[in-house]
Amino acid sequence: MEQQTLNHEFNFYYNLLSEGQKESLLSVMKSFLEKKSEKSERISLSQYNKELDDAEKRIAAGQFISHESLKEDIKKW
């Protein structure tokens, strides 16, 4: 779709929205932009592998909580 046509159509529909709907749309638009910026902050493969190695070391050292233990803890909240 041509840029000018797209902008015109967007403005037409935008003007039909209530204030609450406009706020909701704005939130959605912001979330799209946040997700776009998050993608650009990817970590390197070496950093990813380091984080995996660190996690495996914590597991081997017993520094974790089992699923069953976590479910029991949640019941106490």
PDB file of N, CA and C in Angstrom:
ATOM      1  N   MET A   1       0.856  -1.181   0.000  1.00  0.00           N
ATOM      2  CA  MET A   1       0.000   0.000   0.000  1.00  0.00           C
ATOM      3  C   MET A   1       0.897   1.238   0.000  1.00  0.00           C
ATOM      4  N   GLU A   2       0.530   2.215  -0.768  1.00  0.00           N
ATOM      5  CA  GLU A   2       1.311   3.446  -0.868  1.00  0.00           C
ATOM      6  C   GLU A   2       1.318   4.184   0.472  1.00  0.00           C
ATOM      7  N   GLN A   3       2.449   4.785   0.835  1.00  0.00           N
ATOM      8  CA  GLN A   3       2.624   5.448   2.132  1.00  0.00           C
ATOM      9  C   GLN A   3       1.552   6.497   2.386  1.00  0.00           C
ATOM     10  N   GLN A   4       1.279   7.354   1.415  1.00  0.00           N
ATOM     11  CA  GLN A   4       0.293   8.417   1.594  1.00  0.00           C
ATOM     12  C   GLN A   4      -1.093   7.834   1.821  1.00  0.00           C
ATOM     13  N   THR A   5      -1.441   6.796   1.072  1.00  0.00           N
ATOM     14  CA  THR A   5      -2.739   6.138   1.236  1.00  0.00           C
ATOM     15  C   THR A   5      -2.825   5.492   2.612  1.00  0.00           C
ATOM     16  N   LEU A   6      -1.753   4.852   3.027  1.00  0.00           N
ATOM     17  CA  LEU A   6      -1.711   4.204   4.336  1.00  0.00           C
ATOM     18  C   LEU A   6      -1.905   5.226   5.451  1.00  0.00           C
ATOM     19  N   ASN A   7      -1.204   6.335   5.378  1.00  0.00           N
ATOM     20  CA  ASN A   7      -1.354   7.383   6.395  1.00  0.00           C
ATOM     21  C   ASN A   7      -2.761   7.956   6.406  1.00  0.00           C
ATOM     22  N   HIS A   8      -3.321   8.178   5.237  1.00  0.00           N
ATOM     23  CA  HIS A   8      -4.679   8.715   5.144  1.00  0.00           C
ATOM     24  C   HIS A   8      -5.682   7.746   5.774  1.00  0.00           C
ATOM     25  N   GLU A   9      -5.553   6.476   5.433  1.00  0.00           N
ATOM     26  CA  GLU A   9      -6.467   5.472   5.976  1.00  0.00           C
ATOM     27  C   GLU A   9      -6.302   5.343   7.492  1.00  0.00           C
ATOM     28  N   PHE A  10      -5.059   5.357   7.955  1.00  0.00           N
ATOM     29  CA  PHE A  10      -4.818   5.283   9.397  1.00  0.00           C
ATOM     30  C   PHE A  10      -5.489   6.459  10.114  1.00  0.00           C
ATOM     31  N   ASN A  11      -5.266   7.656   9.603  1.00  0.00           N
ATOM     32  CA  ASN A  11      -5.857   8.853  10.219  1.00  0.00           C
ATOM     33  C   ASN A  11      -7.377   8.799  10.195  1.00  0.00           C
ATOM     34  N   PHE A  12      -7.959   8.312   9.113  1.00  0.00           N
ATOM     35  CA  PHE A  12      -9.412   8.209   9.016  1.00  0.00           C
ATOM     36  C   PHE A  12      -9.955   7.325  10.137  1.00  0.00           C
ATOM     37  N   TYR A  13      -9.390   6.126  10.267  1.00  0.00           N
ATOM     38  CA  TYR A  13      -9.879   5.206  11.301  1.00  0.00           C
ATOM     39  C   TYR A  13      -9.526   5.680  12.704  1.00  0.00           C
ATOM     40  N   TYR A  14      -8.353   6.268  12.848  1.00  0.00           N
ATOM     41  CA  TYR A  14      -7.939   6.776  14.158  1.00  0.00           C
ATOM     42  C   TYR A  14      -8.942   7.800  14.683  1.00  0.00           C
ATOM     43  N   ASN A  15      -9.409   8.676  13.814  1.00  0.00           N
ATOM     44  CA  ASN A  15     -10.356   9.718  14.211  1.00  0.00           C
ATOM     45  C   ASN A  15     -11.718   9.158  14.599  1.00  0.00           C
ATOM     46  N   LEU A  16     -12.010   7.932  14.236  1.00  0.00           N
ATOM     47  CA  LEU A  16     -13.286   7.310  14.605  1.00  0.00           C
ATOM     48  C   LEU A  16     -13.243   6.659  15.989  1.00  0.00           C
ATOM     49  N   LEU A  17     -12.052   6.519  16.548  1.00  0.00           N
ATOM     50  CA  LEU A  17     -11.888   5.842  17.833  1.00  0.00           C
ATOM     51  C   LEU A  17     -12.269   6.745  19.004  1.00  0.00           C
ATOM     52  N   SER A  18     -12.698   6.096  20.088  1.00  0.00           N
ATOM     53  CA  SER A  18     -12.931   6.830  21.332  1.00  0.00           C
ATOM     54  C   SER A  18     -11.584   7.111  21.977  1.00  0.00           C
ATOM     55  N   GLU A  19     -11.570   7.946  23.012  1.00  0.00           N
ATOM     56  CA  GLU A  19     -10.306   8.256  23.701  1.00  0.00           C
ATOM     57  C   GLU A  19      -9.694   6.990  24.300  1.00  0.00           C
ATOM     58  N   GLY A  20     -10.537   6.140  24.888  1.00  0.00           N
ATOM     59  CA  GLY A  20     -10.033   4.890  25.468  1.00  0.00           C
ATOM     60  C   GLY A  20      -9.422   3.987  24.420  1.00  0.00           C
ATOM     61  N   GLN A  21     -10.055   3.914  23.265  1.00  0.00           N
ATOM     62  CA  GLN A  21      -9.523   3.096  22.180  1.00  0.00           C
ATOM     63  C   GLN A  21      -8.204   3.667  21.663  1.00  0.00           C
ATOM     64  N   LYS A  22      -8.113   4.989  21.596  1.00  0.00           N
ATOM     65  CA  LYS A  22      -6.869   5.617  21.158  1.00  0.00           C
ATOM     66  C   LYS A  22      -5.733   5.306  22.133  1.00  0.00           C
ATOM     67  N   GLU A  23      -6.027   5.316  23.437  1.00  0.00           N
ATOM     68  CA  GLU A  23      -5.010   4.989  24.434  1.00  0.00           C
ATOM     69  C   GLU A  23      -4.566   3.540  24.289  1.00  0.00           C
ATOM     70  N   SER A  24      -5.526   2.652  24.042  1.00  0.00           N
ATOM     71  CA  SER A  24      -5.180   1.240  23.851  1.00  0.00           C
ATOM     72  C   SER A  24      -4.309   1.052  22.622  1.00  0.00           C
ATOM     73  N   LEU A  25      -4.681   1.717  21.536  1.00  0.00           N
ATOM     74  CA  LEU A  25      -3.899   1.624  20.308  1.00  0.00           C
ATOM     75  C   LEU A  25      -2.488   2.154  20.525  1.00  0.00           C
ATOM     76  N   LEU A  26      -2.369   3.237  21.239  1.00  0.00           N
ATOM     77  CA  LEU A  26      -1.059   3.806  21.532  1.00  0.00           C
ATOM     78  C   LEU A  26      -0.202   2.816  22.325  1.00  0.00           C
ATOM     79  N   SER A  27      -0.810   2.122  23.276  1.00  0.00           N
ATOM     80  CA  SER A  27      -0.075   1.119  24.053  1.00  0.00           C
ATOM     81  C   SER A  27       0.429  -0.006  23.158  1.00  0.00           C
ATOM     82  N   VAL A  28      -0.419  -0.441  22.237  1.00  0.00           N
ATOM     83  CA  VAL A  28      -0.021  -1.511  21.309  1.00  0.00           C
ATOM     84  C   VAL A  28       1.137  -1.043  20.437  1.00  0.00           C
ATOM     85  N   MET A  29       1.031   0.176  19.937  1.00  0.00           N
ATOM     86  CA  MET A  29       2.092   0.712  19.085  1.00  0.00           C
ATOM     87  C   MET A  29       3.410   0.792  19.850  1.00  0.00           C
ATOM     88  N   LYS A  30       3.348   1.241  21.093  1.00  0.00           N
ATOM     89  CA  LYS A  30       4.568   1.326  21.906  1.00  0.00           C
ATOM     90  C   LYS A  30       5.162  -0.056  22.144  1.00  0.00           C
ATOM     91  N   SER A  31       4.292  -1.052  22.387  1.00  0.00           N
ATOM     92  CA  SER A  31       4.808  -2.405  22.634  1.00  0.00           C
ATOM     93  C   SER A  31       5.486  -2.958  21.385  1.00  0.00           C
ATOM     94  N   PHE A  32       4.958  -2.640  20.194  1.00  0.00           N
ATOM     95  CA  PHE A  32       5.622  -3.065  18.956  1.00  0.00           C
ATOM     96  C   PHE A  32       7.018  -2.470  18.866  1.00  0.00           C
ATOM     97  N   LEU A  33       7.142  -1.212  19.201  1.00  0.00           N
ATOM     98  CA  LEU A  33       8.438  -0.548  19.113  1.00  0.00           C
ATOM     99  C   LEU A  33       9.409  -1.073  20.163  1.00  0.00           C
ATOM    100  N   GLU A  34       8.905  -1.391  21.362  1.00  0.00           N
ATOM    101  CA  GLU A  34       9.768  -1.954  22.397  1.00  0.00           C
ATOM    102  C   GLU A  34      10.289  -3.306  21.970  1.00  0.00           C
ATOM    103  N   LYS A  35       9.441  -4.132  21.373  1.00  0.00           N
ATOM    104  CA  LYS A  35       9.875  -5.454  20.928  1.00  0.00           C
ATOM    105  C   LYS A  35      10.897  -5.336  19.817  1.00  0.00           C
ATOM    106  N   LYS A  36      10.722  -4.350  18.959  1.00  0.00           N
ATOM    107  CA  LYS A  36      11.677  -4.136  17.883  1.00  0.00           C
ATOM    108  C   LYS A  36      13.044  -3.782  18.452  1.00  0.00           C
ATOM    109  N   SER A  37      13.077  -2.919  19.468  1.00  0.00           N
ATOM    110  CA  SER A  37      14.356  -2.524  20.051  1.00  0.00           C
ATOM    111  C   SER A  37      14.983  -3.666  20.851  1.00  0.00           C
ATOM    112  N   GLU A  38      14.145  -4.531  21.438  1.00  0.00           N
ATOM    113  CA  GLU A  38      14.684  -5.670  22.176  1.00  0.00           C
ATOM    114  C   GLU A  38      15.428  -6.610  21.243  1.00  0.00           C
ATOM    115  N   LYS A  39      14.933  -6.772  20.025  1.00  0.00           N
ATOM    116  CA  LYS A  39      15.581  -7.667  19.074  1.00  0.00           C
ATOM    117  C   LYS A  39      16.976  -7.191  18.732  1.00  0.00           C
ATOM    118  N   SER A  40      17.198  -5.901  18.744  1.00  0.00           N
ATOM    119  CA  SER A  40      18.512  -5.377  18.392  1.00  0.00           C
ATOM    120  C   SER A  40      19.517  -5.548  19.533  1.00  0.00           C
ATOM    121  N   GLU A  41      19.058  -5.963  20.692  1.00  0.00           N
ATOM    122  CA  GLU A  41      19.941  -6.121  21.842  1.00  0.00           C
ATOM    123  C   GLU A  41      20.253  -7.597  22.094  1.00  0.00           C
ATOM    124  N   ARG A  42      20.410  -8.347  21.023  1.00  0.00           N
ATOM    125  CA  ARG A  42      20.704  -9.764  21.154  1.00  0.00           C
ATOM    126  C   ARG A  42      22.104  -9.952  21.704  1.00  0.00           C
ATOM    127  N   ILE A  43      22.299 -11.056  22.401  1.00  0.00           N
ATOM    128  CA  ILE A  43      23.627 -11.358  22.921  1.00  0.00           C
ATOM    129  C   ILE A  43      24.384 -12.201  21.907  1.00  0.00           C
ATOM    130  N   SER A  44      25.676 -12.231  22.063  1.00  0.00           N
ATOM    131  CA  SER A  44      26.512 -13.006  21.152  1.00  0.00           C
ATOM    132  C   SER A  44      26.390 -14.494  21.471  1.00  0.00           C
ATOM    133  N   LEU A  45      26.796 -15.299  20.526  1.00  0.00           N
ATOM    134  CA  LEU A  45      26.786 -16.747  20.720  1.00  0.00           C
ATOM    135  C   LEU A  45      27.700 -17.137  21.878  1.00  0.00           C
ATOM    136  N   SER A  46      28.839 -16.486  22.002  1.00  0.00           N
ATOM    137  CA  SER A  46      29.761 -16.821  23.096  1.00  0.00           C
ATOM    138  C   SER A  46      29.140 -16.447  24.446  1.00  0.00           C
ATOM    139  N   GLN A  47      28.427 -15.323  24.519  1.00  0.00           N
ATOM    140  CA  GLN A  47      27.761 -14.948  25.765  1.00  0.00           C
ATOM    141  C   GLN A  47      26.657 -15.951  26.099  1.00  0.00           C
ATOM    142  N   TYR A  48      25.900 -16.352  25.090  1.00  0.00           N
ATOM    143  CA  TYR A  48      24.840 -17.348  25.276  1.00  0.00           C
ATOM    144  C   TYR A  48      25.422 -18.650  25.829  1.00  0.00           C
ATOM    145  N   ASN A  49      26.509 -19.115  25.218  1.00  0.00           N
ATOM    146  CA  ASN A  49      27.142 -20.354  25.666  1.00  0.00           C
ATOM    147  C   ASN A  49      27.694 -20.220  27.081  1.00  0.00           C
ATOM    148  N   LYS A  50      28.244 -19.055  27.423  1.00  0.00           N
ATOM    149  CA  LYS A  50      28.744 -18.824  28.769  1.00  0.00           C
ATOM    150  C   LYS A  50      27.607 -18.908  29.781  1.00  0.00           C
ATOM    151  N   GLU A  51      26.465 -18.310  29.451  1.00  0.00           N
ATOM    152  CA  GLU A  51      25.319 -18.359  30.359  1.00  0.00           C
ATOM    153  C   GLU A  51      24.824 -19.790  30.536  1.00  0.00           C
ATOM    154  N   LEU A  52      24.833 -20.580  29.475  1.00  0.00           N
ATOM    155  CA  LEU A  52      24.456 -21.994  29.587  1.00  0.00           C
ATOM    156  C   LEU A  52      25.433 -22.755  30.483  1.00  0.00           C
ATOM    157  N   ASP A  53      26.730 -22.526  30.271  1.00  0.00           N
ATOM    158  CA  ASP A  53      27.749 -23.186  31.094  1.00  0.00           C
ATOM    159  C   ASP A  53      27.577 -22.817  32.571  1.00  0.00           C
ATOM    160  N   ASP A  54      27.345 -21.536  32.840  1.00  0.00           N
ATOM    161  CA  ASP A  54      27.147 -21.088  34.226  1.00  0.00           C
ATOM    162  C   ASP A  54      25.928 -21.760  34.847  1.00  0.00           C
ATOM    163  N   ALA A  55      24.869 -21.852  34.074  1.00  0.00           N
ATOM    164  CA  ALA A  55      23.644 -22.491  34.587  1.00  0.00           C
ATOM    165  C   ALA A  55      23.881 -23.971  34.872  1.00  0.00           C
ATOM    166  N   GLU A  56      24.595 -24.650  33.985  1.00  0.00           N
ATOM    167  CA  GLU A  56      24.891 -26.063  34.200  1.00  0.00           C
ATOM    168  C   GLU A  56      25.748 -26.269  35.449  1.00  0.00           C
ATOM    169  N   LYS A  57      26.662 -25.347  35.712  1.00  0.00           N
ATOM    170  CA  LYS A  57      27.495 -25.444  36.917  1.00  0.00           C
ATOM    171  C   LYS A  57      26.645 -25.268  38.171  1.00  0.00           C
ATOM    172  N   ARG A  58      25.687 -24.337  38.134  1.00  0.00           N
ATOM    173  CA  ARG A  58      24.804 -24.139  39.297  1.00  0.00           C
ATOM    174  C   ARG A  58      23.947 -25.384  39.542  1.00  0.00           C
ATOM    175  N   ILE A  59      23.472 -25.987  38.460  1.00  0.00           N
ATOM    176  CA  ILE A  59      22.671 -27.211  38.599  1.00  0.00           C
ATOM    177  C   ILE A  59      23.520 -28.325  39.187  1.00  0.00           C
ATOM    178  N   ALA A  60      24.731 -28.501  38.667  1.00  0.00           N
ATOM    179  CA  ALA A  60      25.627 -29.552  39.171  1.00  0.00           C
ATOM    180  C   ALA A  60      25.955 -29.336  40.639  1.00  0.00           C
ATOM    181  N   ALA A  61      25.994 -28.075  41.086  1.00  0.00           N
ATOM    182  CA  ALA A  61      26.295 -27.766  42.484  1.00  0.00           C
ATOM    183  C   ALA A  61      25.050 -27.851  43.367  1.00  0.00           C
ATOM    184  N   GLY A  62      23.920 -28.207  42.761  1.00  0.00           N
ATOM    185  CA  GLY A  62      22.694 -28.345  43.549  1.00  0.00           C
ATOM    186  C   GLY A  62      21.990 -27.030  43.821  1.00  0.00           C
ATOM    187  N   GLN A  63      22.346 -25.994  43.100  1.00  0.00           N
ATOM    188  CA  GLN A  63      21.744 -24.679  43.318  1.00  0.00           C
ATOM    189  C   GLN A  63      20.523 -24.496  42.409  1.00  0.00           C
ATOM    190  N   PHE A  64      19.485 -25.244  42.719  1.00  0.00           N
ATOM    191  CA  PHE A  64      18.245 -25.151  41.963  1.00  0.00           C
ATOM    192  C   PHE A  64      17.100 -25.596  42.864  1.00  0.00           C
ATOM    193  N   ILE A  65      15.878 -25.373  42.411  1.00  0.00           N
ATOM    194  CA  ILE A  65      14.698 -25.824  43.136  1.00  0.00           C
ATOM    195  C   ILE A  65      13.894 -26.705  42.193  1.00  0.00           C
ATOM    196  N   SER A  66      13.431 -27.830  42.700  1.00  0.00           N
ATOM    197  CA  SER A  66      12.669 -28.740  41.852  1.00  0.00           C
ATOM    198  C   SER A  66      11.266 -28.179  41.610  1.00  0.00           C
ATOM    199  N   HIS A  67      10.647 -28.683  40.586  1.00  0.00           N
ATOM    200  CA  HIS A  67       9.290 -28.252  40.257  1.00  0.00           C
ATOM    201  C   HIS A  67       8.335 -28.566  41.410  1.00  0.00           C
ATOM    202  N   GLU A  68       8.473 -29.728  41.977  1.00  0.00           N
ATOM    203  CA  GLU A  68       7.606 -30.128  43.098  1.00  0.00           C
ATOM    204  C   GLU A  68       7.803 -29.213  44.301  1.00  0.00           C
ATOM    205  N   SER A  69       9.065 -28.895  44.624  1.00  0.00           N
ATOM    206  CA  SER A  69       9.341 -27.996  45.749  1.00  0.00           C
ATOM    207  C   SER A  69       8.757 -26.608  45.495  1.00  0.00           C
ATOM    208  N   LEU A  70       8.875 -26.152  44.271  1.00  0.00           N
ATOM    209  CA  LEU A  70       8.332 -24.839  43.931  1.00  0.00           C
ATOM    210  C   LEU A  70       6.815 -24.825  44.080  1.00  0.00           C
ATOM    211  N   LYS A  71       6.157 -25.889  43.645  1.00  0.00           N
ATOM    212  CA  LYS A  71       4.697 -25.955  43.790  1.00  0.00           C
ATOM    213  C   LYS A  71       4.291 -25.908  45.255  1.00  0.00           C
ATOM    214  N   GLU A  72       5.060 -26.577  46.105  1.00  0.00           N
ATOM    215  CA  GLU A  72       4.772 -26.544  47.551  1.00  0.00           C
ATOM    216  C   GLU A  72       4.984 -25.147  48.108  1.00  0.00           C
ATOM    217  N   ASP A  73       6.046 -24.486  47.691  1.00  0.00           N
ATOM    218  CA  ASP A  73       6.306 -23.116  48.156  1.00  0.00           C
ATOM    219  C   ASP A  73       5.210 -22.168  47.721  1.00  0.00           C
ATOM    220  N   ILE A  74       4.714 -22.337  46.523  1.00  0.00           N
ATOM    221  CA  ILE A  74       3.656 -21.461  46.013  1.00  0.00           C
ATOM    222  C   ILE A  74       2.394 -21.575  46.860  1.00  0.00           C
ATOM    223  N   LYS A  75       2.115 -22.759  47.336  1.00  0.00           N
ATOM    224  CA  LYS A  75       0.911 -22.958  48.170  1.00  0.00           C
ATOM    225  C   LYS A  75       0.980 -22.137  49.454  1.00  0.00           C
ATOM    226  N   LYS A  76       2.187 -21.769  49.886  1.00  0.00           N
ATOM    227  CA  LYS A  76       2.367 -21.018  51.127  1.00  0.00           C
ATOM    228  C   LYS A  76       2.244 -19.520  50.933  1.00  0.00           C
ATOM    229  N   TRP A  77       2.183 -19.069  49.687  1.00  0.00           N
ATOM    230  CA  TRP A  77       2.108 -17.634  49.427  1.00  0.00           C
ATOM    231  C   TRP A  77       0.785 -17.047  49.833  1.00  0.00           C
TER     232      TRP A  77
END
